[in-house]
Amino acid sequence: MGQPVVSIVVPVYNVEKYLERCVRSVLSQTFRDIEVILVDDGSTDHSGKICDQFADEDSRVRVIHKLNGGLSDARNVGAEIIEGRWVVFIDSDDFIEREMISTLYALAIKEKAQIAVCGVRDCYEGSSVTPYPKIEQIVCGGSEALRMALEGDKIPISICDKLISRELISGRSFPKGKVYEDAFYTPKLLLAAEKVVVTTQPMYNYWHRAGSITTEPFTPKKMDIIEAYRYTMKIISEQSSDLIPYAQFRLLWAHFVVLDSILSTEHYQRIPQYPEVVFYLKKNWKQVFMCSLFSKGRRISALALRVNVKLYRVLSQIDGWRKKALD
C-alpha cells in the first residue's frame, strides 16, 4: 500500500464487545485511501487479539500493543506514527457512517480548511438522538468554530468527529492522566486553525455505555472537566477575549456536571469537593440565570440551588430534568 491520505487512530482498551463494530465501520468507508492504527492500551480482555485479527485480514490496519497508559497516551502514541496528510481520532466503542471520511475530506479540500467537522449522533441501547437535527454547512475561522464548540450545538467539543490536517496536530499532545481530555485539547486546536468547515450532518455515532466516565458515580477525576474549562478560560483570555462569555458559560456548565454527579452519590455531603462546587455555583447563580446559553431548566435550577441544595437535588432526580437542564 502507498502512503495513505488519511490516518485513523483508534485507542483500544477492554472493548471487545464493541471493537468489531467500530473497526468494521472504519474499514467499510467509501474513502479507501486510509490507514487504521489500532493502539491496544494494555487490554486485559480479547481486544488485543481482535486487533491482530483485523491486521491479518486488511493490510491498511496497523496494531500497536503497549502498556496501559490511558486514552490520551494511546492517542499520542498513535499520532506519532501516522503517515497520512490528515488524521481522525475515533473511540473504539463508537462507530461512523460509511461516507464520513469521504465527506469531510471533500469539504476540507474544497474549502482549503485545516479542520473538517461533522455532526454527532448520541446512541443508546435501543435508541439514538441527534442533538442538532438541522443540516447546515458552515465555513469559518478557528475562533468562530471554538465559539460554536463552546455553545455545544453545531460543533461538539469532542475531537472524534473531526478530520484534522497533520500539520495542525504537529507538536500537540493530549494531556496524560486526564479525563475529559478533549476539553483540554480541542479549544487550543480550533484557535490555531485558520479555516474550519462544518457539516452538521450526523456521521459520527457516539455510544453511551454504562461504566464510562460520564455515567459512573462521582470520583475525584471528574474534577478534570472543571480544570479543563479553567484552562480554556485562560487561553481564551490570552488569545481571543471576545469568547470570554462562552468560556464562562462552559466553566459554569462544568460545575453543574460535577455537582449532578456528586449529588447522585450516597452521603454526598462527605465528598471533599462538594463545598467548593456548590459555593462556586451559588456565588455565580445570577450569571447562570441571565445567560441565554443555558436552558430554561438550568436557569431555574440555579435559583433552586441558591435556595436549598436538597431542593435542587430533588429536582435534578426528576425524570428528564437533568438532561433537559444540561442541554
C-alpha atoms as a PDB file:
ATOM      1  CA  MET A   1       0.000   0.000   0.000  1.00  0.00           C
ATOM      2  CA  GLY A   2       1.282   3.510  -0.859  1.00  0.00           C
ATOM      3  CA  GLN A   3       1.276   6.405   1.560  1.00  0.00           C
ATOM      4  CA  PRO A   4      -2.296   6.855   2.825  1.00  0.00           C
ATOM      5  CA  VAL A   5      -4.152  10.135   2.595  1.00  0.00           C
ATOM      6  CA  VAL A   6      -5.986   9.794   5.928  1.00  0.00           C
ATOM      7  CA  SER A   7      -4.733   8.134   9.116  1.00  0.00           C
ATOM      8  CA  ILE A   8      -7.352   6.936  11.591  1.00  0.00           C
ATOM      9  CA  VAL A   9      -6.168   6.434  15.171  1.00  0.00           C
ATOM     10  CA  VAL A  10      -8.291   4.164  17.370  1.00  0.00           C
ATOM     11  CA  PRO A  11      -7.249   3.754  21.034  1.00  0.00           C
ATOM     12  CA  VAL A  12      -8.370   0.347  22.340  1.00  0.00           C
ATOM     13  CA  TYR A  13      -8.847  -0.747  25.932  1.00  0.00           C
ATOM     14  CA  ASN A  14     -11.120  -3.600  27.045  1.00  0.00           C
ATOM     15  CA  VAL A  15     -13.818  -3.021  24.445  1.00  0.00           C
ATOM     16  CA  GLU A  16     -14.171  -6.498  22.974  1.00  0.00           C
ATOM     17  CA  LYS A  17     -17.951  -6.084  22.945  1.00  0.00           C
ATOM     18  CA  TYR A  18     -17.819  -3.007  20.687  1.00  0.00           C
ATOM     19  CA  LEU A  19     -14.488  -3.168  18.862  1.00  0.00           C
ATOM     20  CA  GLU A  20     -15.531  -5.118  15.797  1.00  0.00           C
ATOM     21  CA  ARG A  21     -18.443  -2.764  15.098  1.00  0.00           C
ATOM     22  CA  CYS A  22     -16.095   0.210  15.362  1.00  0.00           C
ATOM     23  CA  VAL A  23     -13.332  -1.146  13.128  1.00  0.00           C
ATOM     24  CA  ARG A  24     -15.755  -2.554  10.546  1.00  0.00           C
ATOM     25  CA  SER A  25     -17.329   0.888  10.237  1.00  0.00           C
ATOM     26  CA  VAL A  26     -13.890   2.346   9.542  1.00  0.00           C
ATOM     27  CA  LEU A  27     -12.752  -0.297   7.060  1.00  0.00           C
ATOM     28  CA  SER A  28     -16.029  -0.040   5.122  1.00  0.00           C
ATOM     29  CA  GLN A  29     -15.538   3.672   4.407  1.00  0.00           C
ATOM     30  CA  THR A  30     -16.225   4.733   0.832  1.00  0.00           C
ATOM     31  CA  PHE A  31     -12.935   6.645   1.058  1.00  0.00           C
ATOM     32  CA  ARG A  32     -10.449   3.783   0.703  1.00  0.00           C
ATOM     33  CA  ASP A  33      -7.090   5.550   0.909  1.00  0.00           C
ATOM     34  CA  ILE A  34      -6.719   5.213   4.655  1.00  0.00           C
ATOM     35  CA  GLU A  35      -4.559   3.590   7.273  1.00  0.00           C
ATOM     36  CA  VAL A  36      -6.054   2.415  10.556  1.00  0.00           C
ATOM     37  CA  ILE A  37      -3.829   2.476  13.631  1.00  0.00           C
ATOM     38  CA  LEU A  38      -5.241   0.372  16.461  1.00  0.00           C
ATOM     39  CA  VAL A  39      -3.456   1.167  19.724  1.00  0.00           C
ATOM     40  CA  ASP A  40      -4.057  -1.645  22.203  1.00  0.00           C
ATOM     41  CA  ASP A  41      -3.531   0.134  25.517  1.00  0.00           C
ATOM     42  CA  GLY A  42      -2.779  -2.944  27.623  1.00  0.00           C
ATOM     43  CA  SER A  43      -6.209  -4.553  27.258  1.00  0.00           C
ATOM     44  CA  THR A  44      -6.865  -7.489  29.594  1.00  0.00           C
ATOM     45  CA  ASP A  45      -9.775  -8.905  27.580  1.00  0.00           C
ATOM     46  CA  HIS A  46      -9.685 -10.163  23.978  1.00  0.00           C
ATOM     47  CA  SER A  47      -9.405  -6.690  22.444  1.00  0.00           C
ATOM     48  CA  GLY A  48      -5.721  -7.092  21.574  1.00  0.00           C
ATOM     49  CA  LYS A  49      -6.374 -10.369  19.775  1.00  0.00           C
ATOM     50  CA  ILE A  50      -9.241  -8.799  17.816  1.00  0.00           C
ATOM     51  CA  CYS A  51      -6.881  -6.001  16.726  1.00  0.00           C
ATOM     52  CA  ASP A  52      -4.381  -8.544  15.419  1.00  0.00           C
ATOM     53  CA  GLN A  53      -7.124 -10.360  13.513  1.00  0.00           C
ATOM     54  CA  PHE A  54      -8.041  -7.148  11.709  1.00  0.00           C
ATOM     55  CA  ALA A  55      -4.386  -6.547  10.816  1.00  0.00           C
ATOM     56  CA  ASP A  56      -4.225 -10.068   9.338  1.00  0.00           C
ATOM     57  CA  GLU A  57      -7.271  -9.516   7.152  1.00  0.00           C
ATOM     58  CA  ASP A  58      -6.642  -5.939   5.940  1.00  0.00           C
ATOM     59  CA  SER A  59      -3.236  -4.501   5.035  1.00  0.00           C
ATOM     60  CA  ARG A  60      -4.440  -0.993   5.900  1.00  0.00           C
ATOM     61  CA  VAL A  61      -4.519  -1.904   9.607  1.00  0.00           C
ATOM     62  CA  ARG A  62      -1.509  -1.470  11.889  1.00  0.00           C
ATOM     63  CA  VAL A  63      -1.532  -2.531  15.525  1.00  0.00           C
ATOM     64  CA  ILE A  64       0.472  -1.241  18.468  1.00  0.00           C
ATOM     65  CA  HIS A  65       0.421  -3.194  21.730  1.00  0.00           C
ATOM     66  CA  LYS A  66       1.549  -1.138  24.717  1.00  0.00           C
ATOM     67  CA  LEU A  67       1.338  -0.990  28.488  1.00  0.00           C
ATOM     68  CA  ASN A  68      -1.760   0.737  29.801  1.00  0.00           C
ATOM     69  CA  GLY A  69      -1.310   4.493  29.880  1.00  0.00           C
ATOM     70  CA  GLY A  70      -4.808   5.830  29.358  1.00  0.00           C
ATOM     71  CA  LEU A  71      -6.736   7.241  26.419  1.00  0.00           C
ATOM     72  CA  SER A  72      -4.569  10.331  25.947  1.00  0.00           C
ATOM     73  CA  ASP A  73      -1.369   8.313  25.952  1.00  0.00           C
ATOM     74  CA  ALA A  74      -2.775   5.835  23.428  1.00  0.00           C
ATOM     75  CA  ARG A  75      -3.845   8.656  21.107  1.00  0.00           C
ATOM     76  CA  ASN A  76      -0.434  10.309  21.401  1.00  0.00           C
ATOM     77  CA  VAL A  77       1.375   7.060  20.598  1.00  0.00           C
ATOM     78  CA  GLY A  78      -0.814   6.515  17.546  1.00  0.00           C
ATOM     79  CA  ALA A  79      -0.403  10.098  16.359  1.00  0.00           C
ATOM     80  CA  GLU A  80       3.387   9.769  16.461  1.00  0.00           C
ATOM     81  CA  ILE A  81       3.429   7.156  13.682  1.00  0.00           C
ATOM     82  CA  ILE A  82       0.738   8.379  11.301  1.00  0.00           C
ATOM     83  CA  GLU A  83       1.684   8.535   7.634  1.00  0.00           C
ATOM     84  CA  GLY A  84      -1.379  10.319   6.254  1.00  0.00           C
ATOM     85  CA  ARG A  85      -1.695  14.010   5.484  1.00  0.00           C
ATOM     86  CA  TRP A  86      -4.889  14.047   7.550  1.00  0.00           C
ATOM     87  CA  VAL A  87      -5.823  12.377  10.829  1.00  0.00           C
ATOM     88  CA  VAL A  88      -9.056  11.303  12.517  1.00  0.00           C
ATOM     89  CA  PHE A  89      -9.336  10.054  16.096  1.00  0.00           C
ATOM     90  CA  ILE A  90     -12.122   7.558  16.773  1.00  0.00           C
ATOM     91  CA  ASP A  91     -13.011   5.988  20.127  1.00  0.00           C
ATOM     92  CA  SER A  92     -13.232   2.215  19.977  1.00  0.00           C
ATOM     93  CA  ASP A  93     -16.767   1.891  21.370  1.00  0.00           C
ATOM     94  CA  ASP A  94     -18.140   4.329  18.770  1.00  0.00           C
ATOM     95  CA  PHE A  95     -18.762   3.843  15.039  1.00  0.00           C
ATOM     96  CA  ILE A  96     -19.003   6.014  11.939  1.00  0.00           C
ATOM     97  CA  GLU A  97     -21.170   6.264   8.854  1.00  0.00           C
ATOM     98  CA  ARG A  98     -19.716   4.877   5.603  1.00  0.00           C
ATOM     99  CA  GLU A  99     -19.294   8.291   3.959  1.00  0.00           C
ATOM    100  CA  MET A 100     -17.904  10.231   6.921  1.00  0.00           C
ATOM    101  CA  ILE A 101     -14.267  10.324   5.758  1.00  0.00           C
ATOM    102  CA  SER A 102     -15.067  11.000   2.097  1.00  0.00           C
ATOM    103  CA  THR A 103     -17.470  13.798   3.042  1.00  0.00           C
ATOM    104  CA  LEU A 104     -15.066  15.513   5.428  1.00  0.00           C
ATOM    105  CA  TYR A 105     -12.100  15.135   3.068  1.00  0.00           C
ATOM    106  CA  ALA A 106     -14.033  16.594   0.138  1.00  0.00           C
ATOM    107  CA  LEU A 107     -15.146  19.556   2.250  1.00  0.00           C
ATOM    108  CA  ALA A 108     -11.644  20.201   3.575  1.00  0.00           C
ATOM    109  CA  ILE A 109     -10.129  20.173   0.080  1.00  0.00           C
ATOM    110  CA  LYS A 110     -12.897  22.272  -1.457  1.00  0.00           C
ATOM    111  CA  GLU A 111     -12.732  24.951   1.233  1.00  0.00           C
ATOM    112  CA  LYS A 112      -8.951  24.717   1.829  1.00  0.00           C
ATOM    113  CA  ALA A 113      -9.696  24.155   5.516  1.00  0.00           C
ATOM    114  CA  GLN A 114      -7.385  22.687   8.140  1.00  0.00           C
ATOM    115  CA  ILE A 115     -10.239  21.025  10.040  1.00  0.00           C
ATOM    116  CA  ALA A 116     -13.465  19.480   8.762  1.00  0.00           C
ATOM    117  CA  VAL A 117     -16.205  18.646  11.270  1.00  0.00           C
ATOM    118  CA  CYS A 118     -19.372  16.552  11.082  1.00  0.00           C
ATOM    119  CA  GLY A 119     -22.355  16.185  13.383  1.00  0.00           C
ATOM    120  CA  VAL A 120     -22.647  13.598  16.140  1.00  0.00           C
ATOM    121  CA  ARG A 121     -25.468  11.192  16.923  1.00  0.00           C
ATOM    122  CA  ASP A 122     -25.873  10.063  20.560  1.00  0.00           C
ATOM    123  CA  CYS A 123     -26.558   6.319  20.616  1.00  0.00           C
ATOM    124  CA  TYR A 124     -28.005   4.317  23.480  1.00  0.00           C
ATOM    125  CA  GLU A 125     -29.149   0.733  23.808  1.00  0.00           C
ATOM    126  CA  GLY A 126     -32.269   0.670  21.644  1.00  0.00           C
ATOM    127  CA  SER A 127     -32.403   4.361  20.729  1.00  0.00           C
ATOM    128  CA  SER A 128     -30.490   7.310  19.332  1.00  0.00           C
ATOM    129  CA  VAL A 129     -30.738  11.106  19.498  1.00  0.00           C
ATOM    130  CA  THR A 130     -29.395  13.748  17.124  1.00  0.00           C
ATOM    131  CA  PRO A 131     -28.726  16.832  19.287  1.00  0.00           C
ATOM    132  CA  TYR A 132     -28.693  19.208  16.304  1.00  0.00           C
ATOM    133  CA  PRO A 133     -31.027  17.756  13.637  1.00  0.00           C
ATOM    134  CA  LYS A 134     -30.881  20.665  11.158  1.00  0.00           C
ATOM    135  CA  ILE A 135     -28.405  20.044   8.315  1.00  0.00           C
ATOM    136  CA  GLU A 136     -26.157  23.037   7.707  1.00  0.00           C
ATOM    137  CA  GLN A 137     -22.772  23.720   6.158  1.00  0.00           C
ATOM    138  CA  ILE A 138     -20.561  26.422   7.643  1.00  0.00           C
ATOM    139  CA  VAL A 139     -17.140  27.785   6.735  1.00  0.00           C
ATOM    140  CA  CYS A 140     -15.476  29.910   9.398  1.00  0.00           C
ATOM    141  CA  GLY A 141     -12.274  30.823  11.195  1.00  0.00           C
ATOM    142  CA  GLY A 142     -10.942  28.909  14.171  1.00  0.00           C
ATOM    143  CA  SER A 143     -12.201  31.433  16.724  1.00  0.00           C
ATOM    144  CA  GLU A 144     -15.754  31.212  15.368  1.00  0.00           C
ATOM    145  CA  ALA A 145     -15.511  27.418  15.360  1.00  0.00           C
ATOM    146  CA  LEU A 146     -14.459  27.476  19.005  1.00  0.00           C
ATOM    147  CA  ARG A 147     -17.408  29.708  19.851  1.00  0.00           C
ATOM    148  CA  MET A 148     -19.762  27.143  18.339  1.00  0.00           C
ATOM    149  CA  ALA A 149     -17.981  24.318  20.150  1.00  0.00           C
ATOM    150  CA  LEU A 150     -18.365  26.099  23.489  1.00  0.00           C
ATOM    151  CA  GLU A 151     -22.054  26.639  22.753  1.00  0.00           C
ATOM    152  CA  GLY A 152     -22.218  22.893  22.102  1.00  0.00           C
ATOM    153  CA  ASP A 153     -24.861  22.801  19.366  1.00  0.00           C
ATOM    154  CA  LYS A 154     -23.326  22.703  15.893  1.00  0.00           C
ATOM    155  CA  ILE A 155     -19.800  21.628  16.853  1.00  0.00           C
ATOM    156  CA  PRO A 156     -19.084  19.185  19.687  1.00  0.00           C
ATOM    157  CA  ILE A 157     -16.008  19.740  21.857  1.00  0.00           C
ATOM    158  CA  SER A 158     -15.085  16.111  21.106  1.00  0.00           C
ATOM    159  CA  ILE A 159     -12.071  15.503  18.882  1.00  0.00           C
ATOM    160  CA  CYS A 160     -13.610  12.398  17.325  1.00  0.00           C
ATOM    161  CA  ASP A 161     -15.866  13.972  14.685  1.00  0.00           C
ATOM    162  CA  LYS A 162     -13.029  15.965  13.128  1.00  0.00           C
ATOM    163  CA  LEU A 163     -10.702  15.477  10.160  1.00  0.00           C
ATOM    164  CA  ILE A 164      -7.534  17.409  11.013  1.00  0.00           C
ATOM    165  CA  SER A 165      -4.526  18.341   8.889  1.00  0.00           C
ATOM    166  CA  ARG A 166      -1.367  16.600  10.023  1.00  0.00           C
ATOM    167  CA  GLU A 167       0.495  19.919  10.260  1.00  0.00           C
ATOM    168  CA  LEU A 168      -2.032  21.262  12.756  1.00  0.00           C
ATOM    169  CA  ILE A 169      -1.546  18.439  15.265  1.00  0.00           C
ATOM    170  CA  SER A 170       2.240  18.532  14.958  1.00  0.00           C
ATOM    171  CA  GLY A 171       3.740  19.346  18.341  1.00  0.00           C
ATOM    172  CA  ARG A 172       0.407  18.978  20.126  1.00  0.00           C
ATOM    173  CA  SER A 173      -0.451  16.165  22.501  1.00  0.00           C
ATOM    174  CA  PHE A 174      -3.370  15.064  24.616  1.00  0.00           C
ATOM    175  CA  PRO A 175      -2.856  15.584  28.378  1.00  0.00           C
ATOM    176  CA  LYS A 176      -1.844  12.311  30.015  1.00  0.00           C
ATOM    177  CA  GLY A 177      -3.718  11.219  33.111  1.00  0.00           C
ATOM    178  CA  LYS A 178      -6.720  13.453  32.483  1.00  0.00           C
ATOM    179  CA  VAL A 179     -10.298  12.507  31.723  1.00  0.00           C
ATOM    180  CA  TYR A 180     -12.342  14.851  29.523  1.00  0.00           C
ATOM    181  CA  GLU A 181      -9.077  15.145  27.600  1.00  0.00           C
ATOM    182  CA  ASP A 182     -10.854  16.593  24.567  1.00  0.00           C
ATOM    183  CA  ALA A 183     -11.890  19.633  26.601  1.00  0.00           C
ATOM    184  CA  PHE A 184      -8.186  20.343  27.175  1.00  0.00           C
ATOM    185  CA  TYR A 185      -7.147  19.640  23.562  1.00  0.00           C
ATOM    186  CA  THR A 186      -9.857  20.818  21.178  1.00  0.00           C
ATOM    187  CA  PRO A 187     -10.183  24.530  22.136  1.00  0.00           C
ATOM    188  CA  LYS A 188      -6.498  25.250  21.530  1.00  0.00           C
ATOM    189  CA  LEU A 189      -6.570  23.224  18.303  1.00  0.00           C
ATOM    190  CA  LEU A 190      -9.532  25.186  16.945  1.00  0.00           C
ATOM    191  CA  LEU A 191      -7.955  28.514  17.839  1.00  0.00           C
ATOM    192  CA  ALA A 192      -4.857  27.500  15.856  1.00  0.00           C
ATOM    193  CA  ALA A 193      -6.868  26.800  12.693  1.00  0.00           C
ATOM    194  CA  GLU A 194      -7.172  29.490  10.027  1.00  0.00           C
ATOM    195  CA  LYS A 195     -10.225  27.894   8.443  1.00  0.00           C
ATOM    196  CA  VAL A 196     -12.734  25.252   9.605  1.00  0.00           C
ATOM    197  CA  VAL A 197     -15.515  23.707   7.545  1.00  0.00           C
ATOM    198  CA  VAL A 198     -18.542  22.169   9.248  1.00  0.00           C
ATOM    199  CA  THR A 199     -21.386  19.967   8.166  1.00  0.00           C
ATOM    200  CA  THR A 200     -23.934  19.283  10.872  1.00  0.00           C
ATOM    201  CA  GLN A 201     -24.948  16.053   9.149  1.00  0.00           C
ATOM    202  CA  PRO A 202     -24.569  13.379  11.885  1.00  0.00           C
ATOM    203  CA  MET A 203     -21.963  10.879  10.716  1.00  0.00           C
ATOM    204  CA  TYR A 204     -20.181  10.063  13.982  1.00  0.00           C
ATOM    205  CA  ASN A 205     -22.105   7.756  16.329  1.00  0.00           C
ATOM    206  CA  TYR A 206     -21.196   8.263  19.976  1.00  0.00           C
ATOM    207  CA  TRP A 207     -22.067   5.208  22.056  1.00  0.00           C
ATOM    208  CA  HIS A 208     -23.179   5.909  25.630  1.00  0.00           C
ATOM    209  CA  ARG A 209     -22.316   2.831  27.678  1.00  0.00           C
ATOM    210  CA  ALA A 210     -22.505   2.004  31.363  1.00  0.00           C
ATOM    211  CA  GLY A 211     -19.166   2.266  33.120  1.00  0.00           C
ATOM    212  CA  SER A 212     -17.862   5.210  31.107  1.00  0.00           C
ATOM    213  CA  ILE A 213     -16.580   8.299  32.898  1.00  0.00           C
ATOM    214  CA  THR A 214     -19.786  10.172  32.046  1.00  0.00           C
ATOM    215  CA  THR A 215     -22.064   7.532  33.580  1.00  0.00           C
ATOM    216  CA  GLU A 216     -20.121   6.194  36.559  1.00  0.00           C
ATOM    217  CA  PRO A 217     -20.586   7.600  40.103  1.00  0.00           C
ATOM    218  CA  PHE A 218     -18.524  10.589  41.189  1.00  0.00           C
ATOM    219  CA  THR A 219     -14.776  10.196  41.523  1.00  0.00           C
ATOM    220  CA  PRO A 220     -12.215  12.977  42.054  1.00  0.00           C
ATOM    221  CA  LYS A 221     -11.178  12.552  38.387  1.00  0.00           C
ATOM    222  CA  LYS A 222     -14.458  14.175  37.384  1.00  0.00           C
ATOM    223  CA  MET A 223     -12.997  17.449  38.612  1.00  0.00           C
ATOM    224  CA  ASP A 224     -10.847  17.348  35.478  1.00  0.00           C
ATOM    225  CA  ILE A 225     -13.712  18.815  33.476  1.00  0.00           C
ATOM    226  CA  ILE A 226     -13.644  21.930  35.661  1.00  0.00           C
ATOM    227  CA  GLU A 227      -9.862  22.136  35.282  1.00  0.00           C
ATOM    228  CA  ALA A 228     -10.228  21.784  31.512  1.00  0.00           C
ATOM    229  CA  TYR A 229     -12.585  24.733  31.203  1.00  0.00           C
ATOM    230  CA  ARG A 230     -10.499  26.838  33.568  1.00  0.00           C
ATOM    231  CA  TYR A 231      -7.647  26.183  31.165  1.00  0.00           C
ATOM    232  CA  THR A 232      -9.902  27.123  28.236  1.00  0.00           C
ATOM    233  CA  MET A 233     -10.801  30.363  30.009  1.00  0.00           C
ATOM    234  CA  LYS A 234      -7.088  31.107  30.393  1.00  0.00           C
ATOM    235  CA  ILE A 235      -6.164  30.594  26.741  1.00  0.00           C
ATOM    236  CA  ILE A 236      -9.226  32.482  25.537  1.00  0.00           C
ATOM    237  CA  SER A 237      -8.393  35.418  27.806  1.00  0.00           C
ATOM    238  CA  GLU A 238      -4.931  35.473  26.238  1.00  0.00           C
ATOM    239  CA  GLN A 239      -5.838  34.840  22.586  1.00  0.00           C
ATOM    240  CA  SER A 240      -9.498  35.602  21.878  1.00  0.00           C
ATOM    241  CA  SER A 241     -11.077  37.740  24.586  1.00  0.00           C
ATOM    242  CA  ASP A 242     -14.348  38.131  22.673  1.00  0.00           C
ATOM    243  CA  LEU A 243     -15.053  34.479  23.509  1.00  0.00           C
ATOM    244  CA  ILE A 244     -14.848  35.006  27.291  1.00  0.00           C
ATOM    245  CA  PRO A 245     -18.668  34.867  27.818  1.00  0.00           C
ATOM    246  CA  TYR A 246     -18.754  31.477  26.067  1.00  0.00           C
ATOM    247  CA  ALA A 247     -15.840  30.194  28.122  1.00  0.00           C
ATOM    248  CA  GLN A 248     -17.591  31.395  31.294  1.00  0.00           C
ATOM    249  CA  PHE A 249     -20.708  29.520  30.230  1.00  0.00           C
ATOM    250  CA  ARG A 250     -18.731  26.297  29.764  1.00  0.00           C
ATOM    251  CA  LEU A 251     -16.973  26.696  33.114  1.00  0.00           C
ATOM    252  CA  LEU A 252     -20.313  27.076  34.878  1.00  0.00           C
ATOM    253  CA  TRP A 253     -21.697  24.143  32.868  1.00  0.00           C
ATOM    254  CA  ALA A 254     -18.743  22.020  34.008  1.00  0.00           C
ATOM    255  CA  HIS A 255     -19.530  22.796  37.653  1.00  0.00           C
ATOM    256  CA  PHE A 256     -23.119  21.647  37.109  1.00  0.00           C
ATOM    257  CA  VAL A 257     -21.892  18.407  35.524  1.00  0.00           C
ATOM    258  CA  VAL A 258     -19.737  17.720  38.571  1.00  0.00           C
ATOM    259  CA  LEU A 259     -22.420  18.750  41.054  1.00  0.00           C
ATOM    260  CA  ASP A 260     -25.011  16.447  39.488  1.00  0.00           C
ATOM    261  CA  SER A 261     -22.520  13.595  39.686  1.00  0.00           C
ATOM    262  CA  ILE A 262     -21.789  14.366  43.346  1.00  0.00           C
ATOM    263  CA  LEU A 263     -25.469  14.588  44.263  1.00  0.00           C
ATOM    264  CA  SER A 264     -26.159  11.186  42.720  1.00  0.00           C
ATOM    265  CA  THR A 265     -23.760   9.681  45.259  1.00  0.00           C
ATOM    266  CA  GLU A 266     -24.865   8.453  48.700  1.00  0.00           C
ATOM    267  CA  HIS A 267     -23.558  10.616  51.552  1.00  0.00           C
ATOM    268  CA  TYR A 268     -22.658  13.325  49.066  1.00  0.00           C
ATOM    269  CA  GLN A 269     -22.055  15.827  51.890  1.00  0.00           C
ATOM    270  CA  ARG A 270     -18.914  13.879  52.820  1.00  0.00           C
ATOM    271  CA  ILE A 271     -17.286  14.328  49.402  1.00  0.00           C
ATOM    272  CA  PRO A 272     -14.407  16.821  49.856  1.00  0.00           C
ATOM    273  CA  GLN A 273     -15.085  18.615  46.565  1.00  0.00           C
ATOM    274  CA  TYR A 274     -18.772  19.170  47.346  1.00  0.00           C
ATOM    275  CA  PRO A 275     -18.486  22.511  49.254  1.00  0.00           C
ATOM    276  CA  GLU A 276     -16.198  24.020  46.590  1.00  0.00           C
ATOM    277  CA  VAL A 277     -18.527  23.176  43.705  1.00  0.00           C
ATOM    278  CA  VAL A 278     -21.689  24.336  45.486  1.00  0.00           C
ATOM    279  CA  PHE A 279     -20.019  27.558  46.619  1.00  0.00           C
ATOM    280  CA  TYR A 280     -18.958  28.413  43.068  1.00  0.00           C
ATOM    281  CA  LEU A 281     -22.440  27.873  41.630  1.00  0.00           C
ATOM    282  CA  LYS A 282     -24.193  29.742  44.434  1.00  0.00           C
ATOM    283  CA  LYS A 283     -21.756  32.617  44.024  1.00  0.00           C
ATOM    284  CA  ASN A 284     -22.474  32.778  40.287  1.00  0.00           C
ATOM    285  CA  TRP A 285     -26.187  31.966  40.326  1.00  0.00           C
ATOM    286  CA  LYS A 286     -27.126  35.306  38.762  1.00  0.00           C
ATOM    287  CA  GLN A 287     -24.699  34.748  35.890  1.00  0.00           C
ATOM    288  CA  VAL A 288     -26.346  31.381  35.215  1.00  0.00           C
ATOM    289  CA  PHE A 289     -29.835  32.849  35.434  1.00  0.00           C
ATOM    290  CA  MET A 290     -29.014  35.667  32.995  1.00  0.00           C
ATOM    291  CA  CYS A 291     -27.120  33.509  30.498  1.00  0.00           C
ATOM    292  CA  SER A 292     -29.226  32.685  27.430  1.00  0.00           C
ATOM    293  CA  LEU A 293     -26.866  29.827  26.537  1.00  0.00           C
ATOM    294  CA  PHE A 294     -28.298  27.832  29.436  1.00  0.00           C
ATOM    295  CA  SER A 295     -31.629  26.115  29.010  1.00  0.00           C
ATOM    296  CA  LYS A 296     -34.654  27.392  30.917  1.00  0.00           C
ATOM    297  CA  GLY A 297     -34.440  24.312  33.133  1.00  0.00           C
ATOM    298  CA  ARG A 298     -30.847  25.001  34.080  1.00  0.00           C
ATOM    299  CA  ARG A 299     -31.559  28.640  34.868  1.00  0.00           C
ATOM    300  CA  ILE A 300     -34.409  27.577  37.139  1.00  0.00           C
ATOM    301  CA  SER A 301     -32.107  25.037  38.753  1.00  0.00           C
ATOM    302  CA  ALA A 302     -29.663  27.828  39.633  1.00  0.00           C
ATOM    303  CA  LEU A 303     -32.456  29.520  41.599  1.00  0.00           C
ATOM    304  CA  ALA A 304     -33.325  26.235  43.316  1.00  0.00           C
ATOM    305  CA  LEU A 305     -29.695  25.696  44.277  1.00  0.00           C
ATOM    306  CA  ARG A 306     -29.479  29.195  45.730  1.00  0.00           C
ATOM    307  CA  VAL A 307     -32.469  28.448  47.942  1.00  0.00           C
ATOM    308  CA  ASN A 308     -31.589  24.936  49.038  1.00  0.00           C
ATOM    309  CA  VAL A 309     -29.259  22.158  47.835  1.00  0.00           C
ATOM    310  CA  LYS A 310     -31.781  19.489  48.806  1.00  0.00           C
ATOM    311  CA  LEU A 311     -34.448  21.163  46.681  1.00  0.00           C
ATOM    312  CA  TYR A 312     -32.037  21.239  43.764  1.00  0.00           C
ATOM    313  CA  ARG A 313     -31.217  17.559  44.321  1.00  0.00           C
ATOM    314  CA  VAL A 314     -34.893  16.571  44.302  1.00  0.00           C
ATOM    315  CA  LEU A 315     -35.480  18.480  41.079  1.00  0.00           C
ATOM    316  CA  SER A 316     -32.380  17.019  39.451  1.00  0.00           C
ATOM    317  CA  GLN A 317     -33.618  13.490  40.135  1.00  0.00           C
ATOM    318  CA  ILE A 318     -36.938  14.053  38.401  1.00  0.00           C
ATOM    319  CA  ASP A 319     -37.085  12.039  35.161  1.00  0.00           C
ATOM    320  CA  GLY A 320     -35.671  14.057  32.294  1.00  0.00           C
ATOM    321  CA  TRP A 321     -34.782  17.119  34.402  1.00  0.00           C
ATOM    322  CA  ARG A 322     -31.037  16.629  34.396  1.00  0.00           C
ATOM    323  CA  LYS A 323     -30.787  16.030  30.663  1.00  0.00           C
ATOM    324  CA  LYS A 324     -33.069  18.937  29.790  1.00  0.00           C
ATOM    325  CA  ALA A 325     -31.291  21.230  32.209  1.00  0.00           C
ATOM    326  CA  LEU A 326     -27.864  20.485  30.744  1.00  0.00           C
ATOM    327  CA  ASP A 327     -28.962  20.574  27.106  1.00  0.00           C
END
